Structures are given as structure tokens and as C-alpha cells.
N, C-alpha and C. Protein backbone atom coordinates (compact mmCIF):
# COMPACT_ATOMS: atom_id res chain seq x y z
N MET A 1 -14.19 19.81 19.07
CA MET A 1 -13.81 18.87 18.09
C MET A 1 -14.63 17.57 17.99
N ILE A 2 -14.87 17.20 19.32
CA ILE A 2 -15.63 15.88 19.46
C ILE A 2 -17.13 16.25 19.04
N THR A 3 -17.63 17.27 19.31
CA THR A 3 -19.06 17.60 18.94
C THR A 3 -19.27 17.66 17.41
N ARG A 4 -18.32 18.07 16.81
CA ARG A 4 -18.21 18.12 15.29
C ARG A 4 -18.16 16.74 14.82
N GLN A 5 -17.29 15.94 15.16
CA GLN A 5 -17.33 14.55 14.74
C GLN A 5 -18.62 13.72 15.10
N LEU A 6 -19.10 14.08 16.20
CA LEU A 6 -20.32 13.31 16.55
C LEU A 6 -21.48 13.74 15.67
N SER A 7 -21.67 15.19 15.35
CA SER A 7 -22.71 15.60 14.73
C SER A 7 -22.49 15.25 13.15
N ILE A 8 -21.51 14.99 12.78
CA ILE A 8 -21.34 14.67 11.23
C ILE A 8 -21.25 13.21 11.12
N SER A 9 -20.99 12.40 12.11
CA SER A 9 -20.98 10.79 11.99
C SER A 9 -22.28 10.33 12.21
N THR A 10 -23.28 11.08 13.13
CA THR A 10 -24.59 10.44 13.29
C THR A 10 -25.43 10.12 12.16
N PRO A 11 -25.49 11.17 11.10
CA PRO A 11 -26.13 10.67 9.88
C PRO A 11 -25.60 9.45 9.14
N ILE A 12 -24.14 9.22 9.28
CA ILE A 12 -23.40 8.12 8.64
C ILE A 12 -23.83 6.86 9.23
N PHE A 13 -23.97 6.97 10.64
CA PHE A 13 -24.37 5.76 11.41
C PHE A 13 -25.78 5.40 11.09
N ILE A 14 -26.79 6.42 10.96
CA ILE A 14 -27.88 6.03 10.55
C ILE A 14 -28.30 5.56 9.08
N LEU A 15 -27.38 5.96 8.24
CA LEU A 15 -27.37 5.52 6.88
C LEU A 15 -26.97 3.94 6.88
N ILE A 16 -25.73 3.68 7.46
CA ILE A 16 -25.34 2.40 7.49
C ILE A 16 -26.31 1.47 8.23
N TYR A 17 -26.91 1.95 9.28
CA TYR A 17 -28.03 1.11 10.05
C TYR A 17 -28.99 0.87 9.01
N GLY A 18 -29.62 1.94 8.30
CA GLY A 18 -30.60 1.65 7.37
C GLY A 18 -30.23 0.49 6.21
N VAL A 19 -29.01 0.69 5.73
CA VAL A 19 -28.51 -0.22 4.84
C VAL A 19 -28.61 -1.74 5.38
N GLN A 20 -28.25 -1.82 6.57
CA GLN A 20 -28.14 -3.26 7.35
C GLN A 20 -29.66 -3.75 7.53
N GLU A 21 -30.60 -2.97 7.84
CA GLU A 21 -31.87 -3.30 8.07
C GLU A 21 -32.66 -3.54 6.86
N VAL A 22 -32.40 -2.80 5.73
CA VAL A 22 -33.20 -2.85 4.69
C VAL A 22 -32.68 -3.82 3.62
N VAL A 23 -31.24 -3.93 3.52
CA VAL A 23 -30.64 -4.68 2.38
C VAL A 23 -29.95 -5.93 3.03
N VAL A 24 -29.16 -5.83 3.96
CA VAL A 24 -28.41 -6.86 4.50
C VAL A 24 -29.05 -8.08 5.20
N ASN A 25 -30.10 -7.48 5.94
CA ASN A 25 -30.93 -8.57 6.67
C ASN A 25 -31.73 -9.39 5.81
N GLN A 26 -31.92 -9.15 4.68
CA GLN A 26 -32.58 -9.72 3.67
C GLN A 26 -31.85 -11.14 3.17
N PHE A 27 -30.52 -11.08 3.36
CA PHE A 27 -29.81 -12.20 2.90
C PHE A 27 -29.79 -13.31 3.70
N ARG A 28 -30.07 -14.62 3.34
CA ARG A 28 -29.93 -15.70 4.15
C ARG A 28 -28.74 -16.49 3.81
N LEU A 29 -27.88 -16.34 4.68
CA LEU A 29 -26.49 -17.02 4.47
C LEU A 29 -26.25 -18.05 5.41
N PRO A 30 -25.57 -19.23 5.14
CA PRO A 30 -25.34 -20.23 6.04
C PRO A 30 -24.46 -19.82 7.23
N ALA A 31 -24.87 -20.32 8.41
CA ALA A 31 -24.00 -20.14 9.61
C ALA A 31 -24.16 -18.79 10.22
N GLY A 32 -25.17 -18.03 9.93
CA GLY A 32 -25.42 -16.85 10.68
C GLY A 32 -25.20 -15.58 9.82
N GLY A 33 -24.55 -15.55 8.83
CA GLY A 33 -24.44 -14.25 7.94
C GLY A 33 -23.52 -13.37 8.67
N PHE A 34 -23.86 -11.98 8.38
CA PHE A 34 -22.94 -11.01 9.03
C PHE A 34 -23.49 -9.76 9.14
N SER A 35 -23.01 -8.68 9.88
CA SER A 35 -23.67 -7.36 10.12
C SER A 35 -22.73 -6.43 9.65
N VAL A 36 -23.10 -5.57 8.70
CA VAL A 36 -22.29 -4.49 8.12
C VAL A 36 -22.22 -3.48 9.26
N PHE A 37 -23.40 -3.24 9.84
CA PHE A 37 -23.48 -2.36 10.75
C PHE A 37 -22.36 -2.53 12.01
N LEU A 38 -22.25 -3.90 12.39
CA LEU A 38 -21.38 -4.04 13.57
C LEU A 38 -19.91 -3.91 13.07
N ILE A 39 -19.70 -4.39 11.82
CA ILE A 39 -18.31 -4.20 11.30
C ILE A 39 -18.13 -2.62 11.18
N PHE A 40 -19.07 -1.61 10.70
CA PHE A 40 -18.86 -0.20 10.54
C PHE A 40 -18.54 0.29 11.89
N ALA A 41 -19.27 -0.18 12.91
CA ALA A 41 -19.08 0.45 14.35
C ALA A 41 -17.73 0.11 14.82
N LEU A 42 -17.26 -1.21 14.58
CA LEU A 42 -15.97 -1.45 15.18
C LEU A 42 -14.73 -0.90 14.39
N VAL A 43 -15.01 -0.70 12.96
CA VAL A 43 -13.91 0.03 12.14
C VAL A 43 -14.01 1.32 12.49
N TRP A 44 -14.98 1.96 12.82
CA TRP A 44 -15.02 3.40 13.33
C TRP A 44 -14.36 3.54 14.66
N ALA A 45 -14.53 2.58 15.50
CA ALA A 45 -13.99 2.52 16.81
C ALA A 45 -12.45 2.42 16.78
N ILE A 46 -12.04 1.48 16.03
CA ILE A 46 -10.44 1.46 15.93
C ILE A 46 -9.87 2.51 15.18
N LEU A 47 -10.55 3.29 14.51
CA LEU A 47 -9.81 4.51 13.90
C LEU A 47 -10.16 5.87 14.80
N SER A 48 -10.89 5.68 15.91
CA SER A 48 -11.18 6.72 16.75
C SER A 48 -10.18 6.69 17.96
N THR A 49 -10.48 7.68 18.61
CA THR A 49 -9.75 7.68 20.06
C THR A 49 -10.76 6.95 21.07
N PRO A 50 -10.40 6.40 22.13
CA PRO A 50 -11.07 5.70 22.93
C PRO A 50 -12.48 6.42 23.44
N ASP A 51 -12.45 7.74 23.67
CA ASP A 51 -13.64 8.23 24.20
C ASP A 51 -14.51 8.50 23.14
N VAL A 52 -14.14 8.91 21.83
CA VAL A 52 -15.10 8.90 20.76
C VAL A 52 -15.65 7.46 20.39
N ALA A 53 -14.68 6.45 20.52
CA ALA A 53 -15.26 5.20 20.23
C ALA A 53 -16.29 4.81 21.18
N ALA A 54 -16.22 5.14 22.55
CA ALA A 54 -17.14 4.69 23.56
C ALA A 54 -18.51 5.41 23.19
N VAL A 55 -18.43 6.82 22.78
CA VAL A 55 -19.77 7.36 22.37
C VAL A 55 -20.27 6.65 21.17
N SER A 56 -19.58 6.33 20.24
CA SER A 56 -19.92 5.84 18.89
C SER A 56 -20.41 4.44 19.24
N GLY A 57 -19.81 3.68 20.08
CA GLY A 57 -20.32 2.27 20.67
C GLY A 57 -21.74 2.39 21.18
N PHE A 58 -21.84 3.49 22.09
CA PHE A 58 -22.99 3.65 22.78
C PHE A 58 -24.30 3.93 21.75
N VAL A 59 -23.95 4.75 20.66
CA VAL A 59 -25.09 5.08 19.80
C VAL A 59 -25.44 3.86 18.89
N SER A 60 -24.24 3.18 18.43
CA SER A 60 -24.53 2.02 17.59
C SER A 60 -25.13 0.88 18.26
N GLY A 61 -24.86 0.74 19.58
CA GLY A 61 -25.47 -0.26 20.33
C GLY A 61 -27.15 0.13 20.49
N LEU A 62 -27.23 1.34 20.72
CA LEU A 62 -28.64 1.89 20.86
C LEU A 62 -29.53 1.48 19.64
N LEU A 63 -28.81 1.79 18.52
CA LEU A 63 -29.50 1.55 17.22
C LEU A 63 -29.74 -0.01 16.92
N MET A 64 -28.58 -0.77 17.43
CA MET A 64 -29.03 -2.20 17.35
C MET A 64 -30.01 -2.72 18.23
N ASP A 65 -30.11 -2.13 19.57
CA ASP A 65 -31.28 -2.52 20.31
C ASP A 65 -32.72 -2.17 19.76
N LEU A 66 -32.57 -0.94 18.98
CA LEU A 66 -33.96 -0.75 18.30
C LEU A 66 -34.31 -1.49 17.04
N SER A 67 -33.34 -2.27 16.80
CA SER A 67 -33.55 -3.06 15.39
C SER A 67 -34.65 -4.03 15.67
N PRO A 68 -35.67 -4.21 14.55
CA PRO A 68 -36.63 -5.12 14.81
C PRO A 68 -36.25 -6.58 14.67
N SER A 69 -34.91 -6.78 14.27
CA SER A 69 -34.53 -8.32 14.14
C SER A 69 -33.63 -8.46 15.26
N ALA A 70 -33.47 -7.59 16.31
CA ALA A 70 -32.57 -7.94 17.57
C ALA A 70 -33.33 -8.76 18.51
N SER A 71 -32.66 -9.76 19.13
CA SER A 71 -33.26 -10.57 20.09
C SER A 71 -32.44 -10.04 21.49
N GLY A 72 -33.20 -10.15 22.45
CA GLY A 72 -32.83 -9.74 23.74
C GLY A 72 -33.29 -8.49 24.28
N PRO A 73 -33.03 -8.01 25.39
CA PRO A 73 -33.69 -6.99 26.10
C PRO A 73 -33.06 -5.71 25.61
N ILE A 74 -33.69 -4.51 25.80
CA ILE A 74 -33.15 -3.22 25.34
C ILE A 74 -32.13 -2.95 26.39
N GLY A 75 -30.87 -2.46 25.76
CA GLY A 75 -29.69 -2.18 26.46
C GLY A 75 -28.56 -3.21 26.47
N GLN A 76 -29.01 -4.34 26.03
CA GLN A 76 -28.03 -5.30 25.87
C GLN A 76 -26.99 -5.01 24.88
N TRP A 77 -27.40 -4.73 23.62
CA TRP A 77 -26.40 -4.54 22.62
C TRP A 77 -25.64 -3.21 23.01
N THR A 78 -26.35 -2.23 23.62
CA THR A 78 -25.67 -0.82 23.94
C THR A 78 -24.48 -1.14 24.94
N LEU A 79 -24.79 -1.92 25.88
CA LEU A 79 -23.65 -2.38 26.84
C LEU A 79 -22.61 -2.95 26.14
N ILE A 80 -22.89 -3.99 25.34
CA ILE A 80 -21.93 -4.84 24.70
C ILE A 80 -21.12 -3.89 23.76
N LEU A 81 -21.65 -3.27 22.88
CA LEU A 81 -21.05 -2.44 21.99
C LEU A 81 -20.25 -1.17 22.55
N LEU A 82 -20.72 -0.71 23.72
CA LEU A 82 -19.96 0.41 24.27
C LEU A 82 -18.63 -0.22 24.95
N ALA A 83 -18.74 -1.29 25.54
CA ALA A 83 -17.44 -2.00 26.04
C ALA A 83 -16.58 -2.42 24.88
N SER A 84 -17.13 -2.97 23.88
CA SER A 84 -16.18 -3.47 22.65
C SER A 84 -15.63 -2.42 21.89
N SER A 85 -16.39 -1.30 21.64
CA SER A 85 -15.97 -0.26 21.02
C SER A 85 -14.67 0.58 21.76
N TYR A 86 -14.87 0.68 23.07
CA TYR A 86 -13.94 1.32 23.79
C TYR A 86 -12.57 0.39 23.88
N ALA A 87 -12.83 -0.99 23.84
CA ALA A 87 -11.74 -1.89 24.09
C ALA A 87 -10.98 -1.99 22.92
N ILE A 88 -11.66 -1.97 21.80
CA ILE A 88 -10.83 -2.08 20.34
C ILE A 88 -10.20 -0.75 20.15
N ALA A 89 -10.77 0.37 20.66
CA ALA A 89 -10.07 1.75 20.40
C ALA A 89 -8.87 1.69 21.30
N TYR A 90 -9.00 1.20 22.63
CA TYR A 90 -7.89 1.47 23.57
C TYR A 90 -6.65 0.49 23.19
N PHE A 91 -7.16 -0.68 22.73
CA PHE A 91 -5.91 -1.60 22.30
C PHE A 91 -5.37 -1.12 20.93
N GLY A 92 -6.14 -0.60 20.11
CA GLY A 92 -5.66 -0.24 18.78
C GLY A 92 -5.00 1.21 18.77
N SER A 93 -5.19 2.08 19.90
CA SER A 93 -4.81 3.36 19.79
C SER A 93 -3.21 3.59 19.91
N GLY A 94 -2.66 2.61 20.65
CA GLY A 94 -1.07 2.79 20.68
C GLY A 94 -0.33 1.97 19.65
N ASN A 95 -1.17 1.20 19.06
CA ASN A 95 -0.36 0.33 17.99
C ASN A 95 -0.71 0.70 16.72
N GLU A 96 0.24 1.42 16.09
CA GLU A 96 0.20 2.00 14.70
C GLU A 96 0.23 0.71 13.60
N ASN A 97 0.87 -0.23 14.21
CA ASN A 97 1.03 -1.63 13.20
C ASN A 97 -0.39 -1.87 12.92
N VAL A 98 -1.41 -1.77 13.87
CA VAL A 98 -2.75 -2.25 13.64
C VAL A 98 -3.48 -1.36 12.67
N LYS A 99 -3.48 -0.18 12.90
CA LYS A 99 -4.05 0.87 12.21
C LYS A 99 -3.74 0.92 10.85
N GLY A 100 -2.45 0.92 10.71
CA GLY A 100 -1.75 0.96 9.18
C GLY A 100 -1.77 -0.21 8.30
N ASN A 101 -2.28 -1.33 8.70
CA ASN A 101 -2.23 -2.55 8.21
C ASN A 101 -3.73 -3.11 8.02
N PRO A 102 -3.98 -3.23 6.71
CA PRO A 102 -5.51 -3.51 6.41
C PRO A 102 -5.68 -4.99 6.91
N VAL A 103 -4.68 -5.99 6.86
CA VAL A 103 -4.71 -7.15 7.24
C VAL A 103 -4.93 -7.31 8.79
N GLY A 104 -4.25 -6.52 9.37
CA GLY A 104 -4.37 -6.48 10.93
C GLY A 104 -5.58 -6.00 11.42
N VAL A 105 -6.17 -5.03 10.64
CA VAL A 105 -7.47 -4.38 11.15
C VAL A 105 -8.52 -5.51 10.82
N THR A 106 -8.46 -6.25 9.80
CA THR A 106 -9.46 -7.28 9.41
C THR A 106 -9.43 -8.34 10.41
N PHE A 107 -8.27 -8.66 10.73
CA PHE A 107 -8.27 -9.79 11.89
C PHE A 107 -8.59 -9.14 13.38
N PHE A 108 -8.20 -8.01 13.58
CA PHE A 108 -8.54 -7.42 14.82
C PHE A 108 -10.15 -7.13 14.78
N ILE A 109 -10.84 -6.61 13.79
CA ILE A 109 -12.23 -6.62 13.65
C ILE A 109 -12.97 -7.89 14.02
N SER A 110 -12.47 -8.96 13.18
CA SER A 110 -13.05 -10.22 13.27
C SER A 110 -12.92 -10.85 14.61
N THR A 111 -11.79 -10.78 15.25
CA THR A 111 -11.58 -11.13 16.64
C THR A 111 -12.42 -10.47 17.58
N THR A 112 -12.59 -9.10 17.41
CA THR A 112 -13.61 -8.34 18.34
C THR A 112 -15.08 -8.83 17.99
N VAL A 113 -15.58 -9.10 16.88
CA VAL A 113 -16.88 -9.62 16.57
C VAL A 113 -16.98 -10.94 17.22
N PHE A 114 -15.82 -11.82 17.16
CA PHE A 114 -16.04 -13.17 17.89
C PHE A 114 -16.36 -12.83 19.24
N PHE A 115 -15.64 -12.19 19.90
CA PHE A 115 -15.66 -11.85 21.45
C PHE A 115 -16.99 -11.09 21.81
N THR A 116 -17.44 -10.10 20.87
CA THR A 116 -18.59 -9.48 21.17
C THR A 116 -19.88 -10.41 21.04
N GLU A 117 -19.78 -11.49 20.14
CA GLU A 117 -20.98 -12.47 19.89
C GLU A 117 -20.86 -13.46 21.14
N ILE A 118 -19.84 -13.72 21.77
CA ILE A 118 -19.73 -14.57 22.97
C ILE A 118 -20.19 -13.78 24.07
N LEU A 119 -19.82 -12.51 24.30
CA LEU A 119 -20.29 -11.54 25.21
C LEU A 119 -21.82 -11.61 25.10
N PHE A 120 -22.37 -11.37 23.80
CA PHE A 120 -23.71 -11.42 23.66
C PHE A 120 -24.47 -12.63 24.18
N VAL A 121 -24.04 -13.75 24.02
CA VAL A 121 -24.74 -14.97 24.38
C VAL A 121 -24.47 -15.11 25.91
N ILE A 122 -23.32 -14.76 26.52
CA ILE A 122 -23.24 -14.82 27.98
C ILE A 122 -24.15 -13.82 28.67
N THR A 123 -24.24 -12.74 28.27
CA THR A 123 -25.15 -11.70 28.79
C THR A 123 -26.51 -12.04 28.64
N GLY A 124 -26.77 -12.58 27.48
CA GLY A 124 -28.25 -13.03 27.17
C GLY A 124 -28.62 -14.22 27.98
N ALA A 125 -27.67 -15.14 28.22
CA ALA A 125 -28.05 -16.18 29.49
C ALA A 125 -28.26 -15.63 30.69
N LEU A 126 -27.44 -14.65 31.10
CA LEU A 126 -27.66 -13.93 32.46
C LEU A 126 -28.92 -13.29 32.58
N LEU A 127 -29.29 -12.80 31.44
CA LEU A 127 -30.73 -12.06 31.45
C LEU A 127 -31.90 -13.01 31.17
N GLY A 128 -31.72 -14.23 30.79
CA GLY A 128 -32.74 -15.11 30.64
C GLY A 128 -33.26 -15.39 29.22
N VAL A 129 -32.45 -14.95 28.26
CA VAL A 129 -32.91 -14.92 26.92
C VAL A 129 -32.66 -16.29 26.37
N GLN A 130 -33.66 -16.96 25.62
CA GLN A 130 -33.65 -18.31 25.17
C GLN A 130 -32.68 -18.50 23.93
N THR A 131 -31.82 -19.31 24.07
CA THR A 131 -30.90 -19.70 22.94
C THR A 131 -30.95 -20.97 22.54
N GLY A 132 -30.49 -21.49 21.50
CA GLY A 132 -30.42 -22.93 21.00
C GLY A 132 -29.57 -23.76 21.82
N SER A 133 -29.36 -24.72 21.04
CA SER A 133 -28.27 -25.70 21.70
C SER A 133 -26.86 -25.10 21.61
N PHE A 134 -25.98 -25.75 22.31
CA PHE A 134 -24.75 -25.22 22.45
C PHE A 134 -23.97 -25.21 21.05
N GLY A 135 -24.35 -26.49 20.32
CA GLY A 135 -23.78 -26.54 19.02
C GLY A 135 -24.24 -25.48 17.91
N GLN A 136 -25.48 -25.14 18.08
CA GLN A 136 -26.03 -24.18 17.18
C GLN A 136 -25.53 -22.81 17.48
N VAL A 137 -25.25 -22.60 18.81
CA VAL A 137 -24.75 -21.16 19.21
C VAL A 137 -23.28 -21.19 18.74
N LEU A 138 -22.64 -22.32 18.92
CA LEU A 138 -21.20 -22.20 18.45
C LEU A 138 -21.19 -22.17 16.95
N LEU A 139 -21.77 -22.80 16.05
CA LEU A 139 -21.96 -22.70 14.64
C LEU A 139 -22.22 -21.32 14.21
N THR A 140 -23.17 -20.72 14.91
CA THR A 140 -23.52 -19.33 14.57
C THR A 140 -22.41 -18.30 14.76
N ILE A 141 -21.84 -18.42 15.95
CA ILE A 141 -20.68 -17.57 16.30
C ILE A 141 -19.49 -17.69 15.24
N PHE A 142 -19.24 -18.99 15.10
CA PHE A 142 -18.19 -19.33 14.08
C PHE A 142 -18.49 -18.72 12.66
N GLY A 143 -19.74 -18.79 12.29
CA GLY A 143 -20.24 -18.56 10.98
C GLY A 143 -20.01 -16.89 10.87
N ILE A 144 -20.55 -16.18 11.93
CA ILE A 144 -20.49 -14.89 11.87
C ILE A 144 -19.14 -14.17 11.93
N THR A 145 -18.34 -14.92 12.49
CA THR A 145 -16.90 -14.46 12.66
C THR A 145 -16.21 -14.71 11.20
N LEU A 146 -16.45 -15.81 10.45
CA LEU A 146 -16.01 -16.29 9.24
C LEU A 146 -16.46 -15.16 8.15
N TRP A 147 -17.77 -15.01 8.17
CA TRP A 147 -18.37 -14.05 7.32
C TRP A 147 -17.88 -12.62 7.44
N THR A 148 -17.68 -12.27 8.78
CA THR A 148 -16.85 -11.04 9.10
C THR A 148 -15.51 -10.88 8.42
N LEU A 149 -14.87 -12.06 8.70
CA LEU A 149 -13.36 -12.05 7.92
C LEU A 149 -13.51 -11.91 6.51
N VAL A 150 -14.61 -12.23 5.82
CA VAL A 150 -14.63 -12.19 4.38
C VAL A 150 -15.13 -10.81 3.94
N ILE A 151 -16.06 -10.33 4.54
CA ILE A 151 -16.89 -8.95 4.37
C ILE A 151 -15.78 -7.83 4.68
N THR A 152 -15.23 -7.75 5.84
CA THR A 152 -14.41 -6.89 6.35
C THR A 152 -13.42 -6.15 5.29
N PRO A 153 -12.52 -6.93 4.47
CA PRO A 153 -11.73 -6.36 3.41
C PRO A 153 -12.53 -5.51 2.32
N ILE A 154 -13.68 -5.93 2.25
CA ILE A 154 -14.39 -5.38 1.09
C ILE A 154 -14.91 -3.90 1.51
N CYS A 155 -15.48 -3.87 2.73
CA CYS A 155 -15.96 -2.76 3.33
C CYS A 155 -15.04 -1.71 3.94
N LEU A 156 -13.75 -2.26 4.39
CA LEU A 156 -12.72 -1.46 5.07
C LEU A 156 -12.50 -0.13 4.34
N PRO A 157 -12.07 -0.24 3.00
CA PRO A 157 -11.70 0.96 2.49
C PRO A 157 -12.78 1.99 2.43
N VAL A 158 -14.01 1.62 2.16
CA VAL A 158 -15.16 2.72 2.27
C VAL A 158 -15.28 3.24 3.46
N PHE A 159 -15.24 2.46 4.48
CA PHE A 159 -15.44 2.93 6.07
C PHE A 159 -14.31 3.92 6.31
N SER A 160 -13.08 3.45 5.94
CA SER A 160 -11.91 4.27 6.34
C SER A 160 -12.05 5.66 5.53
N LEU A 161 -12.42 5.61 4.37
CA LEU A 161 -12.60 6.93 3.54
C LEU A 161 -13.69 7.79 4.17
N MET A 162 -14.62 7.17 4.55
CA MET A 162 -15.84 7.92 5.26
C MET A 162 -15.23 8.48 6.59
N PHE A 163 -14.49 7.79 7.30
CA PHE A 163 -14.03 8.34 8.63
C PHE A 163 -12.87 9.57 8.27
N SER A 164 -12.10 9.27 7.29
CA SER A 164 -11.07 10.38 7.00
C SER A 164 -11.70 11.66 6.46
N LYS A 165 -13.05 11.51 6.03
CA LYS A 165 -13.50 12.81 5.43
C LYS A 165 -14.14 13.74 6.55
N ILE A 166 -14.19 13.21 7.85
CA ILE A 166 -14.78 14.18 8.85
C ILE A 166 -13.60 14.73 9.75
């Protein structure tokens, strides 16, 4: 079953990654913008079991590491999305109130994006990645979280439908 899910979902991940790189990265939004691919990976993880979420988090993190717009060393996004995807699937697996409620999923995804971005900044600092000032980093993290809160309800029905078809 897991092999079938992974073989069908891999082209979907690559398609959403392509949309992110070709279309969404061209938008210049205030306070950091958003990542449709990150939202997609976390929605996929919350709807999956923890083991499928860990594998999908690894694949999505690897794709984000290969992105030309990614800052940081190879493997940083892979580690972060592996942990974030597993955590969101683990915390959401036993709670049907979260999975069945679009508002709950939206806030859960936005909170996870917030903590994922904080984890990215912390691991980047440990790995020696140059960042801006504390105020700039805080504004960017807040902006990404706010944009995620706005975009997730728009994308959630499409991503849930894609998940339910496999």
C-alpha cells in the first residue's frame, strides 16, 4: 500500500514543486510571501500516517534543497521537513477534530509553518548561514505565517481532493 501511495504521489509532488518554482516564486509579496509547496507538503503530511508523512517530508525537503531559490546547505530543508512532517502527522493522527475541521487544519498548518521557519533559522545559524537582523528575520517569519494563514484555505480543498484520489 505504501509503495502504491509513494509511486502515485511522487509526480504530484514534482508538479506542485514546479508550480512553486515557476509561478509562485515570481510573486513579490510584502513580508516574505508564501510557499505553496511547503503548504502542500504539510497538508499531505497531516492527512497521512506518520510513516508516510516522514517519507513525503524527506522527498519534499530534498526537492526544496534542490531549489535554486533555497538558501542554506543541502540537507537542511530535508532534515527540517522530515521532522515537521512526522510531527504534524503524529500530532494530527489521533485527533479527528483536526483532520475533519478545515479551520483546525488551517491553523495547524500555519502554526507548523511558523515553527518550521524558526527551526530553519536556528539550524541555519548553527550551520553558519548568514541571515539578516533579528527584526528582519522576525518580520519575515511573521509574514510567511500570515500569508500561509491566508493561502491555506484556498489550497486546502484542492490538496485534500488530490490526497483522497490516491
